[in-house]
């Protein structure tokens, strides 16, 4: 994975647009991979799903809390990607009162599949989802890779540690 370019896909997002008015002032906006990654050094972390226990209790809140540490180390953005639609990702972001982390909806799982990280989680009633991983991506090219152990369909456990913000920070600080 290291040295490979991230896949070129279009993400179907929903963005706030005050010109719409009403109680749901959002419109569709397609955002391609280049808009997220070109000319930036980012941390991308991907997880099984919004509102799920490990993702909501540890991973997303810890990335949000530690965001300033990533900025100090030259990271331009931190993105969280999940195989969820834009409506779910936006609701999850509001629920967690995110200020820093940007959520990317991979509703069809296209980016996740092309990254080789799509797994079947039917044993949990989730269907196809992302395996938990993270990467440092520099100008669209994977520079560092953090994949949880045990990659498999219908995994009985939910490994977490390799892709934690604490582990990524440790590696990035080791560069200095």
N, C-alpha and C. Protein backbone atom coordinates (compact mmCIF):
# COMPACT_ATOMS: atom_id res chain seq x y z
N UNK A 1 0.81 -1.19 0.00
CA UNK A 1 0.00 0.00 0.00
C UNK A 1 0.86 1.26 0.00
N UNK A 2 1.97 1.24 0.76
CA UNK A 2 2.85 2.41 0.81
C UNK A 2 3.39 2.69 -0.59
N UNK A 3 3.33 3.96 -0.99
CA UNK A 3 3.80 4.38 -2.30
C UNK A 3 2.72 4.37 -3.37
N UNK A 4 1.56 3.83 -3.05
CA UNK A 4 0.46 3.78 -4.02
C UNK A 4 -0.40 5.03 -3.92
N UNK A 5 -0.94 5.43 -5.05
CA UNK A 5 -1.87 6.56 -5.10
C UNK A 5 -3.24 6.09 -4.61
N UNK A 6 -3.92 6.95 -3.87
CA UNK A 6 -5.28 6.59 -3.44
C UNK A 6 -6.19 6.53 -4.66
N UNK A 7 -7.22 5.70 -4.63
CA UNK A 7 -8.09 5.55 -5.79
C UNK A 7 -8.84 6.83 -6.13
N UNK A 8 -9.08 7.02 -7.41
CA UNK A 8 -9.83 8.18 -7.87
C UNK A 8 -11.31 7.82 -7.86
N UNK A 9 -12.05 8.40 -6.93
CA UNK A 9 -13.50 8.17 -6.85
C UNK A 9 -14.20 9.50 -6.59
N UNK A 10 -15.50 9.49 -6.77
CA UNK A 10 -16.33 10.65 -6.46
C UNK A 10 -17.20 10.29 -5.27
N UNK A 11 -17.13 11.11 -4.24
CA UNK A 11 -17.93 10.92 -3.03
C UNK A 11 -19.17 11.81 -3.13
N UNK A 12 -20.32 11.26 -2.80
CA UNK A 12 -21.58 12.00 -2.84
C UNK A 12 -21.86 12.55 -1.44
N UNK A 13 -21.60 13.84 -1.28
CA UNK A 13 -21.71 14.47 0.03
C UNK A 13 -22.93 15.39 0.08
N UNK A 14 -23.30 15.78 1.28
CA UNK A 14 -24.36 16.77 1.51
C UNK A 14 -23.72 17.94 2.24
N UNK A 15 -23.90 19.15 1.71
CA UNK A 15 -23.32 20.33 2.32
C UNK A 15 -24.41 21.35 2.65
N UNK A 16 -24.17 22.08 3.71
CA UNK A 16 -25.11 23.11 4.14
C UNK A 16 -25.12 24.24 3.11
N UNK A 17 -26.33 24.69 2.76
CA UNK A 17 -26.50 25.77 1.80
C UNK A 17 -27.66 26.64 2.28
N UNK A 18 -27.32 27.76 2.90
CA UNK A 18 -28.33 28.64 3.50
C UNK A 18 -29.31 29.20 2.49
N UNK A 19 -28.94 29.21 1.20
CA UNK A 19 -29.85 29.74 0.19
C UNK A 19 -31.07 28.84 -0.01
N UNK A 20 -30.99 27.62 0.49
CA UNK A 20 -32.10 26.67 0.34
C UNK A 20 -33.22 26.99 1.33
N UNK A 21 -32.84 27.39 2.56
CA UNK A 21 -33.84 27.70 3.58
C UNK A 21 -34.51 26.44 4.11
N UNK A 22 -35.47 26.63 4.98
CA UNK A 22 -36.21 25.51 5.55
C UNK A 22 -35.43 24.79 6.63
N UNK A 23 -35.98 23.67 7.06
CA UNK A 23 -35.38 22.92 8.16
C UNK A 23 -34.26 21.99 7.71
N UNK A 24 -34.07 21.83 6.40
CA UNK A 24 -33.04 20.93 5.89
C UNK A 24 -32.26 21.63 4.77
N UNK A 25 -31.48 22.68 5.13
CA UNK A 25 -30.79 23.46 4.10
C UNK A 25 -29.51 22.81 3.59
N UNK A 26 -29.64 21.65 3.01
CA UNK A 26 -28.48 20.92 2.48
C UNK A 26 -28.72 20.59 1.02
N UNK A 27 -27.61 20.52 0.26
CA UNK A 27 -27.67 20.12 -1.14
C UNK A 27 -26.59 19.07 -1.39
N UNK A 28 -26.80 18.32 -2.47
CA UNK A 28 -25.80 17.34 -2.87
C UNK A 28 -24.60 18.05 -3.46
N UNK A 29 -23.43 17.55 -3.13
CA UNK A 29 -22.19 18.05 -3.74
C UNK A 29 -21.24 16.88 -3.94
N UNK A 30 -20.88 16.63 -5.17
CA UNK A 30 -19.91 15.57 -5.45
C UNK A 30 -18.51 16.12 -5.23
N UNK A 31 -17.69 15.35 -4.52
CA UNK A 31 -16.31 15.74 -4.22
C UNK A 31 -15.42 14.58 -4.65
N UNK A 32 -14.43 14.86 -5.49
CA UNK A 32 -13.57 13.77 -5.94
C UNK A 32 -12.33 13.65 -5.05
N UNK A 33 -11.63 12.57 -5.24
CA UNK A 33 -10.45 12.26 -4.43
C UNK A 33 -9.44 13.41 -4.43
N UNK A 34 -9.19 13.99 -5.59
CA UNK A 34 -8.21 15.07 -5.67
C UNK A 34 -8.57 16.24 -4.76
N UNK A 35 -9.86 16.56 -4.67
CA UNK A 35 -10.27 17.68 -3.82
C UNK A 35 -9.92 17.44 -2.36
N UNK A 36 -9.91 16.19 -1.94
CA UNK A 36 -9.56 15.86 -0.56
C UNK A 36 -8.05 15.75 -0.35
N UNK A 37 -7.32 15.23 -1.35
CA UNK A 37 -5.94 14.83 -1.11
C UNK A 37 -4.86 15.62 -1.85
N UNK A 38 -5.19 16.23 -2.98
CA UNK A 38 -4.16 16.86 -3.80
C UNK A 38 -3.51 18.04 -3.07
N UNK A 39 -2.18 18.01 -3.03
CA UNK A 39 -1.41 19.11 -2.45
C UNK A 39 -1.48 19.20 -0.93
N UNK A 40 -1.93 18.14 -0.28
CA UNK A 40 -2.05 18.15 1.19
C UNK A 40 -1.41 16.90 1.77
N UNK A 41 -0.96 17.02 3.00
CA UNK A 41 -0.54 15.85 3.77
C UNK A 41 -1.62 15.63 4.81
N UNK A 42 -2.30 14.50 4.71
CA UNK A 42 -3.46 14.24 5.56
C UNK A 42 -3.35 12.90 6.27
N UNK A 43 -4.10 12.78 7.35
CA UNK A 43 -4.33 11.49 7.97
C UNK A 43 -5.74 11.07 7.59
N UNK A 44 -5.85 9.89 7.02
CA UNK A 44 -7.13 9.28 6.69
C UNK A 44 -7.31 8.10 7.62
N UNK A 45 -8.42 8.05 8.33
CA UNK A 45 -8.72 6.84 9.08
C UNK A 45 -10.10 6.34 8.68
N UNK A 46 -10.21 5.03 8.57
CA UNK A 46 -11.45 4.41 8.13
C UNK A 46 -11.88 3.40 9.16
N UNK A 47 -13.17 3.29 9.33
CA UNK A 47 -13.72 2.45 10.39
C UNK A 47 -15.00 1.78 9.93
N UNK A 48 -15.47 0.78 10.68
CA UNK A 48 -16.64 0.01 10.24
C UNK A 48 -17.94 0.81 10.11
N UNK A 49 -18.17 1.79 10.98
CA UNK A 49 -19.42 2.51 10.81
C UNK A 49 -19.66 3.59 11.83
N UNK A 50 -20.38 4.61 11.39
CA UNK A 50 -20.81 5.68 12.28
C UNK A 50 -21.71 5.10 13.37
N UNK A 51 -21.66 5.69 14.52
CA UNK A 51 -22.49 5.34 15.68
C UNK A 51 -22.21 3.95 16.25
N UNK A 52 -21.13 3.29 15.81
CA UNK A 52 -20.79 1.98 16.37
C UNK A 52 -19.89 2.18 17.59
N UNK A 53 -19.81 1.21 18.50
CA UNK A 53 -19.18 1.44 19.81
C UNK A 53 -17.73 1.93 19.79
N UNK A 54 -16.80 1.19 19.23
CA UNK A 54 -15.39 1.59 19.27
C UNK A 54 -15.18 2.89 18.49
N UNK A 55 -15.84 2.99 17.36
CA UNK A 55 -15.70 4.18 16.50
C UNK A 55 -16.18 5.44 17.21
N UNK A 56 -17.28 5.33 17.92
CA UNK A 56 -17.90 6.50 18.57
C UNK A 56 -17.36 6.79 19.96
N UNK A 57 -16.88 5.77 20.63
CA UNK A 57 -16.40 5.95 22.00
C UNK A 57 -14.94 6.35 22.06
N UNK A 58 -14.13 5.79 21.16
CA UNK A 58 -12.68 6.02 21.21
C UNK A 58 -12.12 6.71 19.97
N UNK A 59 -12.28 6.05 18.82
CA UNK A 59 -11.52 6.47 17.65
C UNK A 59 -11.86 7.90 17.19
N UNK A 60 -13.10 8.18 16.87
CA UNK A 60 -13.45 9.52 16.39
C UNK A 60 -13.21 10.60 17.46
N UNK A 61 -13.67 10.41 18.70
CA UNK A 61 -13.42 11.45 19.71
C UNK A 61 -11.94 11.69 19.99
N UNK A 62 -11.14 10.64 19.97
CA UNK A 62 -9.70 10.81 20.23
C UNK A 62 -9.01 11.55 19.08
N UNK A 63 -9.40 11.26 17.83
CA UNK A 63 -8.84 12.02 16.72
C UNK A 63 -9.23 13.49 16.84
N UNK A 64 -10.47 13.76 17.20
CA UNK A 64 -10.93 15.14 17.35
C UNK A 64 -10.13 15.86 18.44
N UNK A 65 -9.95 15.19 19.57
CA UNK A 65 -9.23 15.79 20.70
C UNK A 65 -7.75 16.02 20.37
N UNK A 66 -7.15 15.10 19.63
CA UNK A 66 -5.71 15.17 19.33
C UNK A 66 -5.40 15.90 18.02
N UNK A 67 -6.41 16.43 17.36
CA UNK A 67 -6.22 17.14 16.11
C UNK A 67 -5.11 18.20 16.18
N UNK A 68 -5.05 19.04 17.23
CA UNK A 68 -3.98 20.04 17.28
C UNK A 68 -2.58 19.43 17.25
N UNK A 69 -2.42 18.23 17.81
CA UNK A 69 -1.12 17.55 17.78
C UNK A 69 -0.74 17.18 16.34
N UNK A 70 -1.72 16.74 15.56
CA UNK A 70 -1.45 16.41 14.15
C UNK A 70 -1.05 17.67 13.39
N UNK A 71 -1.74 18.77 13.65
CA UNK A 71 -1.43 20.04 12.97
C UNK A 71 0.01 20.46 13.27
N UNK A 72 0.45 20.31 14.52
CA UNK A 72 1.82 20.68 14.89
C UNK A 72 2.85 19.86 14.13
N UNK A 73 2.47 18.67 13.69
CA UNK A 73 3.39 17.78 12.98
C UNK A 73 3.26 17.91 11.45
N UNK A 74 2.59 18.96 11.00
CA UNK A 74 2.52 19.22 9.56
C UNK A 74 1.41 18.52 8.82
N UNK A 75 0.41 18.03 9.54
CA UNK A 75 -0.74 17.40 8.90
C UNK A 75 -1.76 18.50 8.59
N UNK A 76 -2.19 18.57 7.33
CA UNK A 76 -3.12 19.62 6.91
C UNK A 76 -4.57 19.33 7.30
N UNK A 77 -4.97 18.07 7.18
CA UNK A 77 -6.35 17.68 7.47
C UNK A 77 -6.36 16.28 8.07
N UNK A 78 -7.42 15.97 8.81
CA UNK A 78 -7.66 14.61 9.28
C UNK A 78 -9.06 14.23 8.80
N UNK A 79 -9.14 13.13 8.05
CA UNK A 79 -10.40 12.67 7.47
C UNK A 79 -10.79 11.33 8.07
N UNK A 80 -12.07 11.19 8.33
CA UNK A 80 -12.65 9.91 8.75
C UNK A 80 -13.57 9.43 7.65
N UNK A 81 -13.33 8.22 7.17
CA UNK A 81 -14.12 7.64 6.10
C UNK A 81 -14.82 6.38 6.60
N UNK A 82 -16.07 6.21 6.20
CA UNK A 82 -16.81 5.00 6.54
C UNK A 82 -17.76 4.66 5.40
N UNK A 83 -18.10 3.39 5.29
CA UNK A 83 -19.09 2.96 4.30
C UNK A 83 -20.47 3.25 4.90
N UNK A 84 -20.78 4.53 4.92
CA UNK A 84 -22.08 5.05 5.34
C UNK A 84 -22.45 6.17 4.37
N UNK A 85 -23.74 6.46 4.27
CA UNK A 85 -24.17 7.53 3.37
C UNK A 85 -23.95 8.90 4.01
N UNK A 86 -24.10 9.95 3.20
CA UNK A 86 -23.85 11.32 3.65
C UNK A 86 -24.79 11.73 4.78
N UNK A 87 -26.02 11.26 4.78
CA UNK A 87 -26.97 11.62 5.83
C UNK A 87 -26.50 11.10 7.19
N UNK A 88 -26.06 9.85 7.21
CA UNK A 88 -25.58 9.23 8.45
C UNK A 88 -24.30 9.90 8.92
N UNK A 89 -23.37 10.13 7.99
CA UNK A 89 -22.09 10.76 8.37
C UNK A 89 -22.32 12.17 8.91
N UNK A 90 -23.21 12.94 8.29
CA UNK A 90 -23.49 14.29 8.78
C UNK A 90 -24.14 14.25 10.17
N UNK A 91 -25.07 13.33 10.37
CA UNK A 91 -25.72 13.20 11.68
C UNK A 91 -24.70 12.80 12.74
N UNK A 92 -23.79 11.91 12.39
CA UNK A 92 -22.76 11.47 13.33
C UNK A 92 -21.83 12.63 13.69
N UNK A 93 -21.49 13.43 12.70
CA UNK A 93 -20.65 14.60 12.94
C UNK A 93 -21.33 15.59 13.88
N UNK A 94 -22.62 15.85 13.66
CA UNK A 94 -23.38 16.75 14.55
C UNK A 94 -23.47 16.17 15.96
N UNK A 95 -23.74 14.88 16.03
CA UNK A 95 -23.87 14.20 17.32
C UNK A 95 -22.58 14.32 18.15
N UNK A 96 -21.45 14.26 17.46
CA UNK A 96 -20.14 14.32 18.13
C UNK A 96 -19.59 15.74 18.22
N UNK A 97 -20.35 16.72 17.74
CA UNK A 97 -19.96 18.13 17.80
C UNK A 97 -18.55 18.35 17.23
N UNK A 98 -18.31 17.74 16.07
CA UNK A 98 -16.99 17.83 15.44
C UNK A 98 -16.66 19.26 15.04
N UNK A 99 -15.45 19.66 15.32
CA UNK A 99 -14.93 20.96 14.91
C UNK A 99 -13.79 20.83 13.91
N UNK A 100 -13.07 19.71 13.97
CA UNK A 100 -11.83 19.57 13.20
C UNK A 100 -11.85 18.44 12.18
N UNK A 101 -12.32 17.28 12.57
CA UNK A 101 -12.27 16.11 11.70
C UNK A 101 -13.32 16.26 10.60
N UNK A 102 -12.92 15.96 9.37
CA UNK A 102 -13.85 16.00 8.25
C UNK A 102 -14.28 14.57 7.94
N UNK A 103 -15.57 14.38 7.80
CA UNK A 103 -16.13 13.06 7.54
C UNK A 103 -16.36 12.87 6.04
N UNK A 104 -15.97 11.70 5.54
CA UNK A 104 -16.14 11.38 4.13
C UNK A 104 -17.09 10.18 4.02
N UNK A 105 -18.25 10.38 3.37
CA UNK A 105 -19.18 9.26 3.18
C UNK A 105 -18.80 8.43 1.96
N UNK A 106 -18.51 7.16 2.19
CA UNK A 106 -18.22 6.23 1.10
C UNK A 106 -19.42 5.28 0.99
N UNK A 107 -20.58 5.87 0.73
CA UNK A 107 -21.85 5.13 0.78
C UNK A 107 -21.89 3.86 -0.03
N UNK A 108 -21.27 3.85 -1.19
CA UNK A 108 -21.26 2.65 -2.03
C UNK A 108 -20.07 1.75 -1.76
N UNK A 109 -19.16 2.20 -0.91
CA UNK A 109 -17.97 1.41 -0.60
C UNK A 109 -16.96 1.36 -1.72
N UNK A 110 -17.07 2.26 -2.69
CA UNK A 110 -16.17 2.22 -3.85
C UNK A 110 -14.72 2.51 -3.47
N UNK A 111 -14.49 3.58 -2.71
CA UNK A 111 -13.13 3.91 -2.29
C UNK A 111 -12.56 2.77 -1.44
N UNK A 112 -13.37 2.29 -0.50
CA UNK A 112 -12.94 1.22 0.41
C UNK A 112 -12.59 -0.05 -0.38
N UNK A 113 -13.42 -0.40 -1.35
CA UNK A 113 -13.15 -1.59 -2.18
C UNK A 113 -11.86 -1.42 -2.96
N UNK A 114 -11.67 -0.23 -3.56
CA UNK A 114 -10.46 0.00 -4.35
C UNK A 114 -9.21 0.09 -3.49
N UNK A 115 -9.37 0.40 -2.21
CA UNK A 115 -8.23 0.37 -1.27
C UNK A 115 -7.94 -1.06 -0.81
N UNK A 116 -8.81 -2.00 -1.15
CA UNK A 116 -8.64 -3.39 -0.73
C UNK A 116 -9.05 -3.62 0.71
N UNK A 117 -9.89 -2.76 1.25
CA UNK A 117 -10.26 -2.82 2.66
C UNK A 117 -11.73 -3.13 2.92
N UNK A 118 -12.48 -3.50 1.88
CA UNK A 118 -13.89 -3.82 2.04
C UNK A 118 -14.04 -5.23 2.58
N UNK A 119 -14.76 -5.37 3.67
CA UNK A 119 -14.99 -6.68 4.28
C UNK A 119 -16.48 -6.89 4.54
N UNK A 120 -16.86 -8.15 4.59
CA UNK A 120 -18.23 -8.52 4.89
C UNK A 120 -18.39 -8.58 6.42
N UNK A 121 -19.35 -7.85 6.93
CA UNK A 121 -19.64 -7.89 8.37
C UNK A 121 -21.10 -8.31 8.57
N UNK A 122 -21.55 -9.23 7.72
CA UNK A 122 -22.93 -9.72 7.81
C UNK A 122 -23.20 -10.43 9.14
N UNK A 123 -22.16 -10.97 9.76
CA UNK A 123 -22.35 -11.62 11.06
C UNK A 123 -22.85 -10.64 12.11
N UNK A 124 -22.66 -9.34 11.87
CA UNK A 124 -23.14 -8.30 12.79
C UNK A 124 -24.35 -7.56 12.22
N UNK A 125 -24.81 -7.98 11.02
CA UNK A 125 -25.91 -7.30 10.37
C UNK A 125 -25.51 -6.00 9.69
N UNK A 126 -24.21 -5.81 9.45
CA UNK A 126 -23.71 -4.58 8.84
C UNK A 126 -23.60 -4.65 7.33
N UNK A 127 -23.51 -5.86 6.76
CA UNK A 127 -23.24 -5.97 5.33
C UNK A 127 -21.78 -5.66 5.04
N UNK A 128 -21.52 -5.05 3.90
CA UNK A 128 -20.16 -4.74 3.49
C UNK A 128 -19.72 -3.42 4.14
N UNK A 129 -18.57 -3.44 4.79
CA UNK A 129 -18.05 -2.28 5.51
C UNK A 129 -16.54 -2.19 5.34
N UNK A 130 -15.98 -1.13 5.90
CA UNK A 130 -14.52 -0.97 5.85
C UNK A 130 -13.88 -1.70 7.02
N UNK A 131 -12.72 -2.29 6.73
CA UNK A 131 -11.86 -2.77 7.79
C UNK A 131 -11.27 -1.54 8.45
N UNK A 132 -10.93 -1.61 9.70
CA UNK A 132 -10.36 -0.47 10.41
C UNK A 132 -8.88 -0.30 10.00
N UNK A 133 -8.57 0.89 9.46
CA UNK A 133 -7.19 1.21 9.05
C UNK A 133 -7.01 2.71 9.07
N UNK A 134 -5.77 3.14 8.92
CA UNK A 134 -5.44 4.56 8.79
C UNK A 134 -4.23 4.68 7.88
N UNK A 135 -4.06 5.87 7.33
CA UNK A 135 -2.92 6.13 6.45
C UNK A 135 -2.54 7.60 6.55
N UNK A 136 -1.25 7.86 6.37
CA UNK A 136 -0.81 9.23 6.12
C UNK A 136 -0.68 9.30 4.61
N UNK A 137 -1.39 10.25 4.03
CA UNK A 137 -1.43 10.39 2.58
C UNK A 137 -0.85 11.76 2.23
N UNK A 138 0.20 11.74 1.41
CA UNK A 138 0.88 12.98 1.02
C UNK A 138 0.65 13.22 -0.46
N UNK A 139 -0.09 14.26 -0.79
CA UNK A 139 -0.41 14.62 -2.17
C UNK A 139 -1.00 13.43 -2.93
N UNK A 140 -1.89 12.70 -2.26
CA UNK A 140 -2.59 11.58 -2.89
C UNK A 140 -1.86 10.26 -2.88
N UNK A 141 -0.65 10.21 -2.29
CA UNK A 141 0.13 8.97 -2.25
C UNK A 141 0.27 8.50 -0.80
N UNK A 142 0.03 7.21 -0.59
CA UNK A 142 0.11 6.64 0.76
C UNK A 142 1.57 6.64 1.21
N UNK A 143 1.81 7.33 2.31
CA UNK A 143 3.16 7.47 2.87
C UNK A 143 3.38 6.52 4.04
N UNK A 144 2.35 6.35 4.85
CA UNK A 144 2.41 5.44 6.01
C UNK A 144 1.09 4.70 6.09
N UNK A 145 1.15 3.44 6.57
CA UNK A 145 -0.04 2.58 6.59
C UNK A 145 -0.19 1.95 7.96
N UNK A 146 -1.41 1.97 8.49
CA UNK A 146 -1.73 1.44 9.83
C UNK A 146 -2.98 0.58 9.70
N UNK A 147 -2.80 -0.73 9.63
CA UNK A 147 -3.92 -1.65 9.44
C UNK A 147 -4.08 -2.54 10.67
N UNK A 148 -5.32 -2.66 11.12
CA UNK A 148 -5.57 -3.55 12.26
C UNK A 148 -5.35 -5.00 11.85
N UNK A 149 -4.88 -5.78 12.78
CA UNK A 149 -4.60 -7.20 12.54
C UNK A 149 -5.92 -7.97 12.36
N UNK A 150 -5.83 -9.08 11.65
CA UNK A 150 -6.97 -10.00 11.53
C UNK A 150 -7.92 -9.70 10.39
N UNK A 151 -7.49 -8.94 9.38
CA UNK A 151 -8.35 -8.60 8.24
C UNK A 151 -9.06 -9.85 7.73
N UNK A 152 -10.39 -9.84 7.79
CA UNK A 152 -11.16 -10.99 7.30
C UNK A 152 -12.64 -10.64 7.28
N UNK A 153 -13.37 -11.38 6.45
CA UNK A 153 -14.82 -11.27 6.46
C UNK A 153 -15.36 -11.87 7.75
N UNK A 154 -16.42 -11.29 8.25
CA UNK A 154 -17.14 -11.78 9.43
C UNK A 154 -16.22 -12.04 10.62
N UNK A 155 -15.27 -11.14 10.82
CA UNK A 155 -14.34 -11.24 11.94
C UNK A 155 -15.12 -11.20 13.25
N UNK A 156 -14.76 -12.08 14.16
CA UNK A 156 -15.47 -12.17 15.45
C UNK A 156 -15.06 -11.08 16.43
N UNK A 157 -13.92 -10.42 16.16
CA UNK A 157 -13.44 -9.38 17.07
C UNK A 157 -13.40 -8.04 16.35
N UNK A 158 -13.12 -6.99 17.09
CA UNK A 158 -13.02 -5.65 16.53
C UNK A 158 -11.68 -5.06 16.96
N UNK A 159 -10.58 -5.51 16.33
CA UNK A 159 -9.27 -5.03 16.76
C UNK A 159 -9.12 -3.52 16.59
N UNK A 160 -8.47 -2.91 17.58
CA UNK A 160 -8.25 -1.47 17.54
C UNK A 160 -6.97 -1.15 18.29
N UNK A 161 -6.10 -0.38 17.67
CA UNK A 161 -4.84 0.03 18.28
C UNK A 161 -3.88 0.57 17.24
N UNK A 162 -3.65 -0.21 16.19
CA UNK A 162 -2.75 0.22 15.11
C UNK A 162 -3.20 1.54 14.50
N UNK A 163 -4.51 1.66 14.29
CA UNK A 163 -5.05 2.84 13.62
C UNK A 163 -5.51 3.93 14.60
N UNK A 164 -5.13 3.80 15.84
CA UNK A 164 -5.51 4.81 16.83
C UNK A 164 -4.71 6.09 16.60
N UNK A 165 -5.28 7.23 16.95
CA UNK A 165 -4.53 8.48 16.78
C UNK A 165 -3.26 8.50 17.62
N UNK A 166 -3.30 7.86 18.79
CA UNK A 166 -2.12 7.82 19.65
C UNK A 166 -0.96 7.09 18.96
N UNK A 167 -1.26 5.98 18.28
CA UNK A 167 -0.22 5.23 17.59
C UNK A 167 0.32 6.01 16.39
N UNK A 168 -0.57 6.63 15.63
CA UNK A 168 -0.13 7.41 14.47
C UNK A 168 0.75 8.59 14.92
N UNK A 169 0.34 9.27 15.99
CA UNK A 169 1.14 10.37 16.51
C UNK A 169 2.53 9.90 16.94
N UNK A 170 2.58 8.74 17.58
CA UNK A 170 3.87 8.19 18.02
C UNK A 170 4.80 7.99 16.82
N UNK A 171 4.27 7.44 15.74
CA UNK A 171 5.05 7.22 14.53
C UNK A 171 5.49 8.57 13.92
N UNK A 172 4.56 9.51 13.82
CA UNK A 172 4.88 10.81 13.23
C UNK A 172 5.90 11.56 14.08
N UNK A 173 5.79 11.47 15.38
CA UNK A 173 6.76 12.14 16.25
C UNK A 173 8.13 11.50 16.13
N UNK A 174 8.17 10.22 15.82
CA UNK A 174 9.42 9.50 15.63
C UNK A 174 10.16 9.97 14.39
N UNK A 175 9.45 10.59 13.45
CA UNK A 175 10.08 11.13 12.24
C UNK A 175 10.95 12.34 12.55
N UNK A 176 10.55 13.08 13.58
CA UNK A 176 11.19 14.37 13.87
C UNK A 176 12.56 14.18 14.47
